[in-house]
Amino acid sequence: MKRYPLHTLVKLREHRTETARLFVLERQRAVQACRDACLLIEGEIIALEFERGEQRKRLLEPPAPGVPWPSALAQREAHIDLLGEQAEAARQRLFQAQEKLREAEFALSEARAAFFRAKARQDALEKRRDVWRGEQFALAARHEERATEDLLQARHQAPA
């Protein structure tokens, strides 16, 4: 098995963590777009239902001069039915948009989990690097102490 230098592994983990972070941001934007779409459709449904209610209130208002009652009533009822059908179609679109939102939220949670795994691996590797550096500094300090001690002993043992 090939072993890579620690600094190379740290750089690779940093890159993977950054890639995972960008993926999370992308998924967050997708979730927000789905939420915005749902809100837009909900607003459309509310507007259609309000307009339908207003048209129902005006159902028995007298028709314009010269328009017979039966045709005016039939036209108004058809318009109310059309608004109801449009509202129902919007509800179906809302259901589909909510399904997409659930899928996007699930993808976001998976992306976050992947990011936290990558971050944990990077942190563990950086901790290992810091421990290694500490060991190297301690080893260098011991070598320096031994060298100083050897010089002192050599100085005391040297003939005067």
N, C-alpha and C. Protein backbone atom coordinates (compact mmCIF):
# COMPACT_ATOMS: atom_id res chain seq x y z
N MET A 1 0.84 -1.17 0.00
CA MET A 1 0.00 0.00 0.00
C MET A 1 0.89 1.24 0.00
N LYS A 2 0.58 2.17 -0.89
CA LYS A 2 1.39 3.38 -1.01
C LYS A 2 0.98 4.38 0.06
N ARG A 3 1.97 4.99 0.68
CA ARG A 3 1.71 6.00 1.71
C ARG A 3 2.04 7.38 1.13
N TYR A 4 1.17 8.32 1.39
CA TYR A 4 1.37 9.67 0.89
C TYR A 4 1.88 10.56 2.02
N PRO A 5 2.62 11.60 1.67
CA PRO A 5 3.07 12.55 2.70
C PRO A 5 1.87 13.18 3.40
N LEU A 6 2.05 13.48 4.66
CA LEU A 6 0.96 14.01 5.48
C LEU A 6 0.41 15.32 4.92
N HIS A 7 1.30 16.22 4.47
CA HIS A 7 0.82 17.51 3.94
C HIS A 7 -0.03 17.31 2.69
N THR A 8 0.28 16.28 1.88
CA THR A 8 -0.52 15.98 0.70
C THR A 8 -1.91 15.50 1.11
N LEU A 9 -1.95 14.65 2.11
CA LEU A 9 -3.24 14.16 2.60
C LEU A 9 -4.07 15.29 3.19
N VAL A 10 -3.43 16.20 3.91
CA VAL A 10 -4.15 17.34 4.50
C VAL A 10 -4.74 18.20 3.39
N LYS A 11 -3.95 18.47 2.36
CA LYS A 11 -4.46 19.28 1.24
C LYS A 11 -5.62 18.57 0.54
N LEU A 12 -5.52 17.29 0.37
CA LEU A 12 -6.60 16.52 -0.26
C LEU A 12 -7.87 16.58 0.59
N ARG A 13 -7.73 16.42 1.88
CA ARG A 13 -8.90 16.50 2.77
C ARG A 13 -9.50 17.89 2.76
N GLU A 14 -8.65 18.92 2.74
CA GLU A 14 -9.17 20.30 2.66
C GLU A 14 -9.98 20.49 1.39
N HIS A 15 -9.46 19.95 0.28
CA HIS A 15 -10.17 20.06 -1.00
C HIS A 15 -11.51 19.33 -0.93
N ARG A 16 -11.50 18.13 -0.38
CA ARG A 16 -12.75 17.36 -0.27
C ARG A 16 -13.76 18.07 0.63
N THR A 17 -13.27 18.65 1.71
CA THR A 17 -14.16 19.37 2.62
C THR A 17 -14.76 20.59 1.92
N GLU A 18 -13.95 21.31 1.18
CA GLU A 18 -14.45 22.49 0.46
C GLU A 18 -15.46 22.07 -0.62
N THR A 19 -15.18 20.98 -1.31
CA THR A 19 -16.12 20.48 -2.32
C THR A 19 -17.44 20.10 -1.66
N ALA A 20 -17.38 19.45 -0.52
CA ALA A 20 -18.60 19.07 0.20
C ALA A 20 -19.35 20.31 0.68
N ARG A 21 -18.62 21.33 1.11
CA ARG A 21 -19.27 22.58 1.56
C ARG A 21 -20.00 23.26 0.40
N LEU A 22 -19.35 23.30 -0.75
CA LEU A 22 -19.99 23.90 -1.93
C LEU A 22 -21.21 23.10 -2.36
N PHE A 23 -21.15 21.78 -2.22
CA PHE A 23 -22.28 20.93 -2.55
C PHE A 23 -23.45 21.21 -1.61
N VAL A 24 -23.15 21.43 -0.33
CA VAL A 24 -24.20 21.78 0.64
C VAL A 24 -24.84 23.11 0.25
N LEU A 25 -24.03 24.08 -0.12
CA LEU A 25 -24.57 25.39 -0.53
C LEU A 25 -25.47 25.24 -1.76
N GLU A 26 -25.05 24.41 -2.70
CA GLU A 26 -25.86 24.16 -3.89
C GLU A 26 -27.20 23.54 -3.51
N ARG A 27 -27.17 22.58 -2.61
CA ARG A 27 -28.41 21.93 -2.16
C ARG A 27 -29.29 22.90 -1.39
N GLN A 28 -28.68 23.81 -0.63
CA GLN A 28 -29.47 24.81 0.10
C GLN A 28 -30.19 25.74 -0.88
N ARG A 29 -29.49 26.11 -1.96
CA ARG A 29 -30.15 26.94 -2.97
C ARG A 29 -31.30 26.19 -3.64
N ALA A 30 -31.12 24.90 -3.89
CA ALA A 30 -32.19 24.10 -4.50
C ALA A 30 -33.40 24.02 -3.57
N VAL A 31 -33.15 23.83 -2.28
CA VAL A 31 -34.25 23.77 -1.30
C VAL A 31 -34.98 25.11 -1.27
N GLN A 32 -34.22 26.20 -1.27
CA GLN A 32 -34.85 27.52 -1.24
C GLN A 32 -35.69 27.76 -2.49
N ALA A 33 -35.19 27.32 -3.64
CA ALA A 33 -35.95 27.47 -4.88
C ALA A 33 -37.26 26.67 -4.81
N CYS A 34 -37.20 25.47 -4.25
CA CYS A 34 -38.41 24.66 -4.09
C CYS A 34 -39.39 25.33 -3.13
N ARG A 35 -38.88 25.89 -2.04
CA ARG A 35 -39.75 26.59 -1.09
C ARG A 35 -40.41 27.80 -1.76
N ASP A 36 -39.63 28.54 -2.52
CA ASP A 36 -40.18 29.70 -3.22
C ASP A 36 -41.27 29.28 -4.20
N ALA A 37 -41.05 28.17 -4.91
CA ALA A 37 -42.05 27.67 -5.85
C ALA A 37 -43.34 27.30 -5.12
N CYS A 38 -43.20 26.64 -3.95
CA CYS A 38 -44.37 26.26 -3.16
C CYS A 38 -45.13 27.51 -2.70
N LEU A 39 -44.40 28.50 -2.23
CA LEU A 39 -45.06 29.73 -1.78
C LEU A 39 -45.77 30.44 -2.92
N LEU A 40 -45.18 30.43 -4.09
CA LEU A 40 -45.79 31.06 -5.25
C LEU A 40 -47.10 30.35 -5.61
N ILE A 41 -47.07 29.03 -5.61
CA ILE A 41 -48.27 28.26 -5.95
C ILE A 41 -49.34 28.45 -4.88
N GLU A 42 -48.93 28.48 -3.60
CA GLU A 42 -49.89 28.72 -2.53
C GLU A 42 -50.56 30.08 -2.70
N GLY A 43 -49.79 31.09 -3.07
CA GLY A 43 -50.35 32.41 -3.32
C GLY A 43 -51.33 32.39 -4.48
N GLU A 44 -51.00 31.62 -5.50
CA GLU A 44 -51.89 31.49 -6.65
C GLU A 44 -53.21 30.83 -6.24
N ILE A 45 -53.12 29.80 -5.41
CA ILE A 45 -54.34 29.11 -4.94
C ILE A 45 -55.20 30.07 -4.13
N ILE A 46 -54.57 30.82 -3.24
CA ILE A 46 -55.32 31.77 -2.41
C ILE A 46 -56.01 32.80 -3.30
N ALA A 47 -55.29 33.32 -4.30
CA ALA A 47 -55.88 34.32 -5.20
C ALA A 47 -57.05 33.73 -5.98
N LEU A 48 -56.88 32.49 -6.46
CA LEU A 48 -57.97 31.86 -7.22
C LEU A 48 -59.19 31.61 -6.34
N GLU A 49 -58.97 31.14 -5.13
CA GLU A 49 -60.09 30.89 -4.21
C GLU A 49 -60.79 32.20 -3.84
N PHE A 50 -60.01 33.26 -3.64
CA PHE A 50 -60.60 34.56 -3.32
C PHE A 50 -61.44 35.05 -4.50
N GLU A 51 -60.88 34.95 -5.70
CA GLU A 51 -61.61 35.39 -6.90
C GLU A 51 -62.87 34.56 -7.09
N ARG A 52 -62.78 33.27 -6.84
CA ARG A 52 -63.95 32.40 -6.96
C ARG A 52 -65.03 32.82 -5.97
N GLY A 53 -64.64 33.12 -4.74
CA GLY A 53 -65.60 33.59 -3.73
C GLY A 53 -66.24 34.90 -4.14
N GLU A 54 -65.43 35.81 -4.69
CA GLU A 54 -65.98 37.09 -5.15
C GLU A 54 -66.97 36.88 -6.29
N GLN A 55 -66.65 35.98 -7.21
CA GLN A 55 -67.55 35.71 -8.32
C GLN A 55 -68.85 35.06 -7.83
N ARG A 56 -68.76 34.22 -6.82
CA ARG A 56 -69.98 33.59 -6.27
C ARG A 56 -70.87 34.64 -5.62
N LYS A 57 -70.24 35.65 -4.97
CA LYS A 57 -71.03 36.71 -4.35
C LYS A 57 -71.79 37.51 -5.42
N ARG A 58 -71.19 37.67 -6.59
CA ARG A 58 -71.80 38.46 -7.66
C ARG A 58 -72.66 37.62 -8.60
N LEU A 59 -72.86 36.36 -8.25
CA LEU A 59 -73.60 35.46 -9.13
C LEU A 59 -75.00 35.97 -9.45
N LEU A 60 -75.68 36.51 -8.46
CA LEU A 60 -77.08 36.93 -8.66
C LEU A 60 -77.23 38.42 -8.90
N GLU A 61 -76.14 39.11 -9.17
CA GLU A 61 -76.26 40.52 -9.54
C GLU A 61 -76.95 40.60 -10.90
N PRO A 62 -77.69 41.68 -11.14
CA PRO A 62 -78.36 41.79 -12.44
C PRO A 62 -77.35 41.86 -13.58
N PRO A 63 -77.64 41.24 -14.69
CA PRO A 63 -76.71 41.27 -15.81
C PRO A 63 -76.68 42.64 -16.47
N ALA A 64 -75.73 42.82 -17.33
CA ALA A 64 -75.62 44.08 -18.08
C ALA A 64 -76.88 44.25 -18.94
N PRO A 65 -77.24 45.49 -19.23
CA PRO A 65 -78.44 45.70 -20.04
C PRO A 65 -78.33 45.00 -21.40
N GLY A 66 -79.39 44.33 -21.77
CA GLY A 66 -79.44 43.64 -23.05
C GLY A 66 -78.96 42.21 -23.00
N VAL A 67 -78.44 41.75 -21.85
CA VAL A 67 -77.96 40.36 -21.71
C VAL A 67 -79.04 39.58 -20.97
N PRO A 68 -79.53 38.48 -21.55
CA PRO A 68 -80.57 37.72 -20.85
C PRO A 68 -80.03 37.04 -19.59
N TRP A 69 -80.90 36.92 -18.59
CA TRP A 69 -80.53 36.30 -17.31
C TRP A 69 -79.93 34.91 -17.48
N PRO A 70 -80.60 34.02 -18.22
CA PRO A 70 -80.05 32.65 -18.29
C PRO A 70 -78.62 32.59 -18.85
N SER A 71 -78.34 33.36 -19.88
CA SER A 71 -76.99 33.29 -20.45
C SER A 71 -75.97 33.94 -19.50
N ALA A 72 -76.35 35.05 -18.84
CA ALA A 72 -75.44 35.69 -17.88
C ALA A 72 -75.16 34.76 -16.72
N LEU A 73 -76.20 34.09 -16.22
CA LEU A 73 -76.02 33.16 -15.10
C LEU A 73 -75.14 31.97 -15.51
N ALA A 74 -75.38 31.44 -16.71
CA ALA A 74 -74.59 30.31 -17.21
C ALA A 74 -73.12 30.73 -17.38
N GLN A 75 -72.92 31.94 -17.90
CA GLN A 75 -71.55 32.43 -18.09
C GLN A 75 -70.84 32.60 -16.75
N ARG A 76 -71.53 33.14 -15.77
CA ARG A 76 -70.94 33.33 -14.44
C ARG A 76 -70.62 31.99 -13.77
N GLU A 77 -71.54 31.03 -13.89
CA GLU A 77 -71.32 29.70 -13.31
C GLU A 77 -70.13 29.02 -13.97
N ALA A 78 -70.04 29.18 -15.30
CA ALA A 78 -68.91 28.57 -16.02
C ALA A 78 -67.60 29.20 -15.56
N HIS A 79 -67.61 30.50 -15.34
CA HIS A 79 -66.39 31.18 -14.87
C HIS A 79 -66.01 30.71 -13.46
N ILE A 80 -67.01 30.54 -12.60
CA ILE A 80 -66.75 30.04 -11.24
C ILE A 80 -66.19 28.62 -11.31
N ASP A 81 -66.76 27.78 -12.18
CA ASP A 81 -66.25 26.42 -12.34
C ASP A 81 -64.82 26.42 -12.87
N LEU A 82 -64.54 27.32 -13.82
CA LEU A 82 -63.20 27.42 -14.36
C LEU A 82 -62.20 27.82 -13.28
N LEU A 83 -62.57 28.79 -12.44
CA LEU A 83 -61.69 29.19 -11.33
C LEU A 83 -61.46 28.01 -10.38
N GLY A 84 -62.50 27.22 -10.12
CA GLY A 84 -62.36 26.04 -9.27
C GLY A 84 -61.40 25.02 -9.88
N GLU A 85 -61.52 24.81 -11.20
CA GLU A 85 -60.62 23.86 -11.88
C GLU A 85 -59.18 24.36 -11.85
N GLN A 86 -59.02 25.67 -12.05
CA GLN A 86 -57.67 26.24 -11.99
C GLN A 86 -57.08 26.08 -10.59
N ALA A 87 -57.91 26.28 -9.56
CA ALA A 87 -57.43 26.11 -8.19
C ALA A 87 -57.05 24.65 -7.93
N GLU A 88 -57.85 23.73 -8.45
CA GLU A 88 -57.54 22.31 -8.26
C GLU A 88 -56.24 21.94 -8.99
N ALA A 89 -56.05 22.47 -10.18
CA ALA A 89 -54.81 22.22 -10.92
C ALA A 89 -53.62 22.80 -10.15
N ALA A 90 -53.81 23.97 -9.56
CA ALA A 90 -52.74 24.58 -8.77
C ALA A 90 -52.44 23.72 -7.54
N ARG A 91 -53.47 23.13 -6.93
CA ARG A 91 -53.24 22.23 -5.78
C ARG A 91 -52.41 21.01 -6.19
N GLN A 92 -52.70 20.49 -7.39
CA GLN A 92 -51.91 19.36 -7.88
C GLN A 92 -50.45 19.77 -8.10
N ARG A 93 -50.25 20.96 -8.66
CA ARG A 93 -48.88 21.46 -8.84
C ARG A 93 -48.20 21.67 -7.50
N LEU A 94 -48.98 22.15 -6.52
CA LEU A 94 -48.42 22.35 -5.17
C LEU A 94 -48.00 21.02 -4.57
N PHE A 95 -48.82 19.99 -4.76
CA PHE A 95 -48.47 18.67 -4.24
C PHE A 95 -47.16 18.19 -4.87
N GLN A 96 -47.01 18.37 -6.17
CA GLN A 96 -45.78 17.96 -6.85
C GLN A 96 -44.59 18.80 -6.38
N ALA A 97 -44.82 20.10 -6.20
CA ALA A 97 -43.74 20.97 -5.73
C ALA A 97 -43.32 20.60 -4.31
N GLN A 98 -44.29 20.23 -3.47
CA GLN A 98 -43.97 19.81 -2.10
C GLN A 98 -43.18 18.50 -2.10
N GLU A 99 -43.50 17.62 -3.04
CA GLU A 99 -42.74 16.37 -3.16
C GLU A 99 -41.30 16.67 -3.57
N LYS A 100 -41.12 17.59 -4.51
CA LYS A 100 -39.77 18.00 -4.91
C LYS A 100 -39.04 18.64 -3.73
N LEU A 101 -39.77 19.42 -2.93
CA LEU A 101 -39.18 20.05 -1.75
C LEU A 101 -38.69 18.99 -0.76
N ARG A 102 -39.50 17.97 -0.53
CA ARG A 102 -39.08 16.89 0.38
C ARG A 102 -37.82 16.20 -0.15
N GLU A 103 -37.79 15.95 -1.45
CA GLU A 103 -36.61 15.31 -2.05
C GLU A 103 -35.38 16.21 -1.90
N ALA A 104 -35.57 17.51 -2.13
CA ALA A 104 -34.46 18.45 -2.02
C ALA A 104 -33.97 18.55 -0.57
N GLU A 105 -34.89 18.53 0.39
CA GLU A 105 -34.49 18.58 1.80
C GLU A 105 -33.74 17.31 2.19
N PHE A 106 -34.17 16.16 1.66
CA PHE A 106 -33.46 14.92 1.94
C PHE A 106 -32.05 14.97 1.36
N ALA A 107 -31.94 15.47 0.12
CA ALA A 107 -30.62 15.59 -0.51
C ALA A 107 -29.74 16.56 0.28
N LEU A 108 -30.34 17.62 0.81
CA LEU A 108 -29.59 18.58 1.63
C LEU A 108 -29.09 17.90 2.91
N SER A 109 -29.93 17.12 3.55
CA SER A 109 -29.49 16.45 4.79
C SER A 109 -28.36 15.46 4.50
N GLU A 110 -28.44 14.77 3.36
CA GLU A 110 -27.35 13.86 2.99
C GLU A 110 -26.06 14.64 2.70
N ALA A 111 -26.20 15.78 2.02
CA ALA A 111 -25.02 16.59 1.70
C ALA A 111 -24.40 17.13 2.99
N ARG A 112 -25.23 17.54 3.94
CA ARG A 112 -24.69 18.03 5.22
C ARG A 112 -23.96 16.91 5.95
N ALA A 113 -24.55 15.73 5.96
CA ALA A 113 -23.89 14.60 6.63
C ALA A 113 -22.54 14.30 5.97
N ALA A 114 -22.50 14.34 4.64
CA ALA A 114 -21.24 14.10 3.92
C ALA A 114 -20.22 15.20 4.25
N PHE A 115 -20.69 16.44 4.36
CA PHE A 115 -19.78 17.54 4.71
C PHE A 115 -19.21 17.32 6.11
N PHE A 116 -20.06 16.97 7.07
CA PHE A 116 -19.57 16.79 8.43
C PHE A 116 -18.63 15.60 8.54
N ARG A 117 -18.87 14.55 7.75
CA ARG A 117 -17.92 13.42 7.72
C ARG A 117 -16.58 13.89 7.17
N ALA A 118 -16.62 14.63 6.06
CA ALA A 118 -15.37 15.13 5.46
C ALA A 118 -14.65 16.07 6.42
N LYS A 119 -15.40 16.93 7.09
CA LYS A 119 -14.80 17.87 8.05
C LYS A 119 -14.17 17.11 9.22
N ALA A 120 -14.86 16.09 9.70
CA ALA A 120 -14.32 15.29 10.81
C ALA A 120 -13.03 14.59 10.40
N ARG A 121 -13.01 14.05 9.19
CA ARG A 121 -11.79 13.39 8.71
C ARG A 121 -10.65 14.39 8.57
N GLN A 122 -10.97 15.58 8.07
CA GLN A 122 -9.94 16.61 7.94
C GLN A 122 -9.43 17.02 9.31
N ASP A 123 -10.33 17.22 10.26
CA ASP A 123 -9.92 17.61 11.61
C ASP A 123 -9.04 16.54 12.25
N ALA A 124 -9.42 15.27 12.05
CA ALA A 124 -8.63 14.18 12.62
C ALA A 124 -7.23 14.15 12.02
N LEU A 125 -7.15 14.38 10.72
CA LEU A 125 -5.84 14.38 10.06
C LEU A 125 -5.01 15.58 10.52
N GLU A 126 -5.64 16.73 10.69
CA GLU A 126 -4.90 17.90 11.18
C GLU A 126 -4.43 17.68 12.61
N LYS A 127 -5.25 17.02 13.40
CA LYS A 127 -4.84 16.72 14.78
C LYS A 127 -3.63 15.77 14.76
N ARG A 128 -3.71 14.78 13.88
CA ARG A 128 -2.58 13.85 13.76
C ARG A 128 -1.32 14.60 13.33
N ARG A 129 -1.46 15.55 12.39
CA ARG A 129 -0.33 16.34 11.94
C ARG A 129 0.23 17.17 13.10
N ASP A 130 -0.66 17.78 13.90
CA ASP A 130 -0.20 18.59 15.03
C ASP A 130 0.51 17.74 16.08
N VAL A 131 0.00 16.54 16.33
CA VAL A 131 0.67 15.63 17.26
C VAL A 131 2.05 15.27 16.72
N TRP A 132 2.12 14.96 15.44
CA TRP A 132 3.40 14.60 14.83
C TRP A 132 4.39 15.76 14.95
N ARG A 133 3.90 16.98 14.66
CA ARG A 133 4.79 18.14 14.79
C ARG A 133 5.28 18.31 16.22
N GLY A 134 4.39 18.12 17.18
CA GLY A 134 4.77 18.21 18.59
C GLY A 134 5.84 17.19 18.93
N GLU A 135 5.65 15.97 18.42
CA GLU A 135 6.65 14.92 18.66
C GLU A 135 7.99 15.30 18.02
N GLN A 136 7.94 15.87 16.81
CA GLN A 136 9.17 16.26 16.13
C GLN A 136 9.88 17.38 16.89
N PHE A 137 9.11 18.35 17.41
CA PHE A 137 9.72 19.43 18.20
C PHE A 137 10.34 18.87 19.48
N ALA A 138 9.64 17.94 20.13
CA ALA A 138 10.16 17.35 21.36
C ALA A 138 11.43 16.55 21.06
N LEU A 139 11.43 15.82 19.96
CA LEU A 139 12.60 15.04 19.57
C LEU A 139 13.78 15.97 19.27
N ALA A 140 13.52 17.05 18.57
CA ALA A 140 14.59 18.01 18.26
C ALA A 140 15.10 18.65 19.54
N ALA A 141 14.21 18.95 20.47
CA ALA A 141 14.63 19.55 21.74
C ALA A 141 15.50 18.57 22.52
N ARG A 142 15.12 17.28 22.54
CA ARG A 142 15.94 16.26 23.24
C ARG A 142 17.32 16.14 22.60
N HIS A 143 17.37 16.15 21.27
CA HIS A 143 18.66 16.07 20.58
C HIS A 143 19.52 17.28 20.93
N GLU A 144 18.91 18.43 20.99
CA GLU A 144 19.65 19.65 21.32
C GLU A 144 20.15 19.60 22.76
N GLU A 145 19.30 19.08 23.67
CA GLU A 145 19.72 18.96 25.07
C GLU A 145 20.89 17.99 25.20
N ARG A 146 20.81 16.86 24.46
CA ARG A 146 21.90 15.89 24.50
C ARG A 146 23.19 16.49 23.95
N ALA A 147 23.05 17.23 22.86
CA ALA A 147 24.25 17.84 22.27
C ALA A 147 24.85 18.85 23.24
N THR A 148 24.00 19.63 23.91
CA THR A 148 24.49 20.61 24.89
C THR A 148 25.15 19.88 26.05
N GLU A 149 24.51 18.81 26.50
CA GLU A 149 25.06 18.03 27.61
C GLU A 149 26.41 17.42 27.23
N ASP A 150 26.50 16.90 26.00
CA ASP A 150 27.76 16.33 25.53
C ASP A 150 28.87 17.39 25.48
N LEU A 151 28.52 18.57 25.03
CA LEU A 151 29.50 19.66 24.99
C LEU A 151 29.96 20.02 26.39
N LEU A 152 29.03 20.09 27.33
CA LEU A 152 29.40 20.42 28.70
C LEU A 152 30.30 19.34 29.30
N GLN A 153 29.96 18.09 29.06
CA GLN A 153 30.78 17.00 29.58
C GLN A 153 32.17 16.99 28.93
N ALA A 154 32.22 17.25 27.65
CA ALA A 154 33.49 17.29 26.95
C ALA A 154 34.34 18.45 27.48
N ARG A 155 33.73 19.53 27.82
CA ARG A 155 34.44 20.69 28.33
C ARG A 155 35.04 20.39 29.72
N HIS A 156 34.24 19.67 30.55
CA HIS A 156 34.73 19.34 31.90
C HIS A 156 35.79 18.24 31.87
N GLN A 157 35.73 17.39 30.85
CA GLN A 157 36.67 16.28 30.77
C GLN A 157 37.95 16.69 30.03
N ALA A 158 37.92 17.77 29.34
CA ALA A 158 39.09 18.20 28.57
C ALA A 158 40.23 18.53 29.53
N PRO A 159 41.50 18.16 29.14
CA PRO A 159 42.62 18.49 30.01
C PRO A 159 42.84 19.99 30.09
N ALA A 160 43.15 20.42 31.23
CA ALA A 160 43.33 21.83 31.47
C ALA A 160 44.72 22.32 31.23
